[in-house]
Amino acid sequence: MFKSLRSVEGSKINSNGRSHVGETMQLEGDLRTSGSIDIAGLINGNVFVSEMTITETGSVRGSVEASTIEINGHLEGKISANDVIVGKTAVIKGDIFFKNTLKTEEGADIDGYIKRANNGKSNNEEDIAIEEIVERTESVKKPKPIHVVQQKKAV
């Protein structure tokens, strides 16, 4: 009739599956998973996931660390992710730190700082060329002004 706890422990858990927090669900406390999660309800706590989507009805109050995050609902807290997608219905109150990409749609409401993390995109040839130009212009010496003495004409 009922499976024992031992039979559940023996089976392998699919860590790549998507979990779902439904619209009527409220979670108190931190959430950690190596998989992906869709949030349509409310989470009061920090979230540490691989991939995360906050739907239009979803809310998170706490810090979020993810590889990829898409926000269409409410988020109040610090965001740290490689890739961040902010939808037009998103309301974010907190700082966003991203490494690779940040995409925002027109209409999104963001109240906080947005900063690329240090481990982001490396210098490409254009960035290096701009740095060289800046260094060269600073090293060029300005010519010294020449003092001109006016001579009086003999009458």
C-alpha atoms as a PDB file:
ATOM      1  CA  MET A   1       0.000   0.000   0.000  1.00  0.00           C
ATOM      2  CA  PHE A   2       2.675   2.559   1.054  1.00  0.00           C
ATOM      3  CA  LYS A   3       6.276   2.542   0.002  1.00  0.00           C
ATOM      4  CA  SER A   4       8.830   2.471   2.737  1.00  0.00           C
ATOM      5  CA  LEU A   5      11.338   5.284   3.199  1.00  0.00           C
ATOM      6  CA  ARG A   6      14.160   2.945   2.185  1.00  0.00           C
ATOM      7  CA  SER A   7      12.784   2.424  -1.313  1.00  0.00           C
ATOM      8  CA  VAL A   8      12.662   6.187  -1.868  1.00  0.00           C
ATOM      9  CA  GLU A   9      16.266   6.606  -0.713  1.00  0.00           C
ATOM     10  CA  GLY A  10      17.460   3.892  -3.082  1.00  0.00           C
ATOM     11  CA  SER A  11      16.073   5.562  -6.207  1.00  0.00           C
ATOM     12  CA  LYS A  12      18.112   8.190  -8.034  1.00  0.00           C
ATOM     13  CA  ILE A  13      16.897  11.770  -7.890  1.00  0.00           C
ATOM     14  CA  ASN A  14      16.732  13.660 -11.187  1.00  0.00           C
ATOM     15  CA  SER A  15      18.721  16.814 -10.387  1.00  0.00           C
ATOM     16  CA  ASN A  16      18.055  18.334 -13.822  1.00  0.00           C
ATOM     17  CA  GLY A  17      14.271  18.491 -13.450  1.00  0.00           C
ATOM     18  CA  ARG A  18      12.317  21.701 -12.921  1.00  0.00           C
ATOM     19  CA  SER A  19      10.663  22.355  -9.595  1.00  0.00           C
ATOM     20  CA  HIS A  20       7.622  24.598  -9.232  1.00  0.00           C
ATOM     21  CA  VAL A  21       6.380  26.835  -6.425  1.00  0.00           C
ATOM     22  CA  GLY A  22       2.686  27.295  -7.223  1.00  0.00           C
ATOM     23  CA  GLU A  23       0.653  30.503  -6.952  1.00  0.00           C
ATOM     24  CA  THR A  24      -1.001  29.393  -3.702  1.00  0.00           C
ATOM     25  CA  MET A  25       2.271  28.310  -2.081  1.00  0.00           C
ATOM     26  CA  GLN A  26       4.281  30.384   0.409  1.00  0.00           C
ATOM     27  CA  LEU A  27       7.730  29.214   1.487  1.00  0.00           C
ATOM     28  CA  GLU A  28       9.506  30.543   4.594  1.00  0.00           C
ATOM     29  CA  GLY A  29      13.274  29.979   4.669  1.00  0.00           C
ATOM     30  CA  ASP A  30      16.189  29.450   2.303  1.00  0.00           C
ATOM     31  CA  LEU A  31      15.803  27.376  -0.840  1.00  0.00           C
ATOM     32  CA  ARG A  32      18.687  25.425  -2.397  1.00  0.00           C
ATOM     33  CA  THR A  33      18.653  23.212  -5.471  1.00  0.00           C
ATOM     34  CA  SER A  34      21.115  22.185  -8.153  1.00  0.00           C
ATOM     35  CA  GLY A  35      18.258  22.103 -10.653  1.00  0.00           C
ATOM     36  CA  SER A  36      15.856  24.683 -12.039  1.00  0.00           C
ATOM     37  CA  ILE A  37      12.830  26.265 -10.409  1.00  0.00           C
ATOM     38  CA  ASP A  38       9.793  28.246 -11.507  1.00  0.00           C
ATOM     39  CA  ILE A  39       8.301  30.530  -8.880  1.00  0.00           C
ATOM     40  CA  ALA A  40       4.666  31.592  -9.135  1.00  0.00           C
ATOM     41  CA  GLY A  41       4.104  31.890  -5.373  1.00  0.00           C
ATOM     42  CA  LEU A  42       5.956  33.658  -2.532  1.00  0.00           C
ATOM     43  CA  ILE A  43       9.379  32.836  -1.096  1.00  0.00           C
ATOM     44  CA  ASN A  44      10.542  34.650   2.035  1.00  0.00           C
ATOM     45  CA  GLY A  45      14.212  33.681   2.166  1.00  0.00           C
ATOM     46  CA  ASN A  46      17.388  33.377   0.146  1.00  0.00           C
ATOM     47  CA  VAL A  47      17.417  31.281  -3.030  1.00  0.00           C
ATOM     48  CA  PHE A  48      20.447  29.385  -4.378  1.00  0.00           C
ATOM     49  CA  VAL A  49      19.677  27.627  -7.681  1.00  0.00           C
ATOM     50  CA  SER A  50      21.099  26.791 -11.073  1.00  0.00           C
ATOM     51  CA  GLU A  51      18.296  28.324 -13.133  1.00  0.00           C
ATOM     52  CA  MET A  52      15.303  30.314 -11.921  1.00  0.00           C
ATOM     53  CA  THR A  53      12.201  31.904 -13.420  1.00  0.00           C
ATOM     54  CA  ILE A  54       9.936  34.211 -11.427  1.00  0.00           C
ATOM     55  CA  THR A  55       6.558  34.420 -13.149  1.00  0.00           C
ATOM     56  CA  GLU A  56       4.279  37.482 -13.121  1.00  0.00           C
ATOM     57  CA  THR A  57       2.540  36.193  -9.978  1.00  0.00           C
ATOM     58  CA  GLY A  58       5.788  35.165  -8.260  1.00  0.00           C
ATOM     59  CA  SER A  59       7.606  37.044  -5.484  1.00  0.00           C
ATOM     60  CA  VAL A  60      10.921  36.556  -3.714  1.00  0.00           C
ATOM     61  CA  ARG A  61      12.032  38.461  -0.611  1.00  0.00           C
ATOM     62  CA  GLY A  62      15.689  37.643  -0.140  1.00  0.00           C
ATOM     63  CA  SER A  63      18.986  37.331  -1.965  1.00  0.00           C
ATOM     64  CA  VAL A  64      19.167  35.217  -5.111  1.00  0.00           C
ATOM     65  CA  GLU A  65      22.237  33.446  -6.475  1.00  0.00           C
ATOM     66  CA  ALA A  66      21.754  31.646  -9.782  1.00  0.00           C
ATOM     67  CA  SER A  67      23.504  30.814 -12.991  1.00  0.00           C
ATOM     68  CA  THR A  68      20.557  32.145 -15.014  1.00  0.00           C
ATOM     69  CA  ILE A  69      17.562  34.105 -13.735  1.00  0.00           C
ATOM     70  CA  GLU A  70      14.502  35.461 -15.520  1.00  0.00           C
ATOM     71  CA  ILE A  71      12.320  37.888 -13.573  1.00  0.00           C
ATOM     72  CA  ASN A  72       8.759  38.742 -14.554  1.00  0.00           C
ATOM     73  CA  GLY A  73       7.364  39.200 -11.040  1.00  0.00           C
ATOM     74  CA  HIS A  74       8.588  40.858  -7.819  1.00  0.00           C
ATOM     75  CA  LEU A  75      12.018  40.489  -6.267  1.00  0.00           C
ATOM     76  CA  GLU A  76      13.239  42.314  -3.177  1.00  0.00           C
ATOM     77  CA  GLY A  77      16.914  41.596  -2.494  1.00  0.00           C
ATOM     78  CA  LYS A  78      20.347  41.238  -4.040  1.00  0.00           C
ATOM     79  CA  ILE A  79      20.695  39.335  -7.326  1.00  0.00           C
ATOM     80  CA  SER A  80      23.949  37.582  -8.287  1.00  0.00           C
ATOM     81  CA  ALA A  81      23.902  35.671 -11.566  1.00  0.00           C
ATOM     82  CA  ASN A  82      25.799  34.957 -14.751  1.00  0.00           C
ATOM     83  CA  ASP A  83      22.844  35.853 -16.972  1.00  0.00           C
ATOM     84  CA  VAL A  84      19.912  38.072 -15.945  1.00  0.00           C
ATOM     85  CA  ILE A  85      16.719  38.630 -17.946  1.00  0.00           C
ATOM     86  CA  VAL A  86      14.324  41.283 -16.644  1.00  0.00           C
ATOM     87  CA  GLY A  87      10.854  41.173 -18.189  1.00  0.00           C
ATOM     88  CA  LYS A  88       8.556  44.146 -18.751  1.00  0.00           C
ATOM     89  CA  THR A  89       6.341  43.212 -15.759  1.00  0.00           C
ATOM     90  CA  ALA A  90       9.286  42.854 -13.340  1.00  0.00           C
ATOM     91  CA  VAL A  91       9.568  44.929 -10.171  1.00  0.00           C
ATOM     92  CA  ILE A  92      13.024  44.712  -8.568  1.00  0.00           C
ATOM     93  CA  LYS A  93      14.078  46.415  -5.343  1.00  0.00           C
ATOM     94  CA  GLY A  94      17.727  45.562  -4.881  1.00  0.00           C
ATOM     95  CA  ASP A  95      21.105  45.469  -6.545  1.00  0.00           C
ATOM     96  CA  ILE A  96      21.846  43.342  -9.615  1.00  0.00           C
ATOM     97  CA  PHE A  97      25.308  41.839 -10.084  1.00  0.00           C
ATOM     98  CA  PHE A  98      25.816  39.920 -13.335  1.00  0.00           C
ATOM     99  CA  LYS A  99      28.820  38.317 -15.030  1.00  0.00           C
ATOM    100  CA  ASN A 100      27.883  37.727 -18.679  1.00  0.00           C
ATOM    101  CA  THR A 101      24.627  39.275 -19.896  1.00  0.00           C
ATOM    102  CA  LEU A 102      21.841  41.538 -18.685  1.00  0.00           C
ATOM    103  CA  LYS A 103      18.695  41.918 -20.784  1.00  0.00           C
ATOM    104  CA  THR A 104      15.869  44.231 -19.774  1.00  0.00           C
ATOM    105  CA  GLU A 105      12.554  44.899 -21.456  1.00  0.00           C
ATOM    106  CA  GLU A 106      10.942  48.318 -21.605  1.00  0.00           C
ATOM    107  CA  GLY A 107       8.575  48.805 -18.670  1.00  0.00           C
ATOM    108  CA  ALA A 108      10.624  46.969 -16.037  1.00  0.00           C
ATOM    109  CA  ASP A 109      10.866  48.748 -12.665  1.00  0.00           C
ATOM    110  CA  ILE A 110      14.338  48.500 -11.108  1.00  0.00           C
ATOM    111  CA  ASP A 111      15.232  50.305  -7.885  1.00  0.00           C
ATOM    112  CA  GLY A 112      18.888  49.535  -7.192  1.00  0.00           C
ATOM    113  CA  TYR A 113      22.368  49.409  -8.641  1.00  0.00           C
ATOM    114  CA  ILE A 114      23.311  47.327 -11.676  1.00  0.00           C
ATOM    115  CA  LYS A 115      26.930  46.214 -11.900  1.00  0.00           C
ATOM    116  CA  ARG A 116      28.898  43.763 -14.002  1.00  0.00           C
ATOM    117  CA  ALA A 117      30.936  41.445 -11.812  1.00  0.00           C
ATOM    118  CA  ASN A 118      34.731  41.395 -12.232  1.00  0.00           C
ATOM    119  CA  ASN A 119      34.759  37.910 -13.731  1.00  0.00           C
ATOM    120  CA  GLY A 120      32.688  39.055 -16.674  1.00  0.00           C
ATOM    121  CA  LYS A 121      33.674  39.615 -20.263  1.00  0.00           C
ATOM    122  CA  SER A 122      37.420  39.854 -20.792  1.00  0.00           C
ATOM    123  CA  ASN A 123      39.032  42.736 -22.622  1.00  0.00           C
ATOM    124  CA  ASN A 124      38.554  42.443 -26.341  1.00  0.00           C
ATOM    125  CA  GLU A 125      40.761  44.115 -28.965  1.00  0.00           C
ATOM    126  CA  GLU A 126      38.612  47.261 -29.040  1.00  0.00           C
ATOM    127  CA  ASP A 127      38.861  47.744 -25.256  1.00  0.00           C
ATOM    128  CA  ILE A 128      42.627  47.297 -25.391  1.00  0.00           C
ATOM    129  CA  ALA A 129      42.929  49.774 -28.286  1.00  0.00           C
ATOM    130  CA  ILE A 130      40.907  52.370 -26.357  1.00  0.00           C
ATOM    131  CA  GLU A 131      43.145  51.892 -23.307  1.00  0.00           C
ATOM    132  CA  GLU A 132      46.248  52.431 -25.480  1.00  0.00           C
ATOM    133  CA  ILE A 133      44.809  55.642 -26.947  1.00  0.00           C
ATOM    134  CA  VAL A 134      44.025  56.972 -23.482  1.00  0.00           C
ATOM    135  CA  GLU A 135      47.548  56.183 -22.290  1.00  0.00           C
ATOM    136  CA  ARG A 136      49.135  57.823 -25.341  1.00  0.00           C
ATOM    137  CA  THR A 137      47.169  61.057 -25.018  1.00  0.00           C
ATOM    138  CA  GLU A 138      48.126  61.343 -21.372  1.00  0.00           C
ATOM    139  CA  SER A 139      51.835  60.815 -22.122  1.00  0.00           C
ATOM    140  CA  VAL A 140      51.993  63.504 -24.854  1.00  0.00           C
ATOM    141  CA  LYS A 141      53.669  66.578 -23.430  1.00  0.00           C
ATOM    142  CA  LYS A 142      51.970  69.901 -23.893  1.00  0.00           C
ATOM    143  CA  PRO A 143      54.155  72.517 -25.560  1.00  0.00           C
ATOM    144  CA  LYS A 144      55.400  75.237 -23.252  1.00  0.00           C
ATOM    145  CA  PRO A 145      54.002  78.676 -23.979  1.00  0.00           C
ATOM    146  CA  ILE A 146      56.465  81.026 -25.679  1.00  0.00           C
ATOM    147  CA  HIS A 147      56.757  84.460 -24.147  1.00  0.00           C
ATOM    148  CA  VAL A 148      56.614  87.122 -26.873  1.00  0.00           C
ATOM    149  CA  VAL A 149      58.208  90.469 -26.144  1.00  0.00           C
ATOM    150  CA  GLN A 150      56.735  93.342 -28.053  1.00  0.00           C
ATOM    151  CA  GLN A 151      59.287  95.662 -29.539  1.00  0.00           C
ATOM    152  CA  LYS A 152      58.787  99.395 -29.853  1.00  0.00           C
ATOM    153  CA  LYS A 153      59.162 100.906 -33.291  1.00  0.00           C
ATOM    154  CA  ALA A 154      61.531 103.810 -33.775  1.00  0.00           C
ATOM    155  CA  VAL A 155      59.855 106.985 -34.892  1.00  0.00           C
END
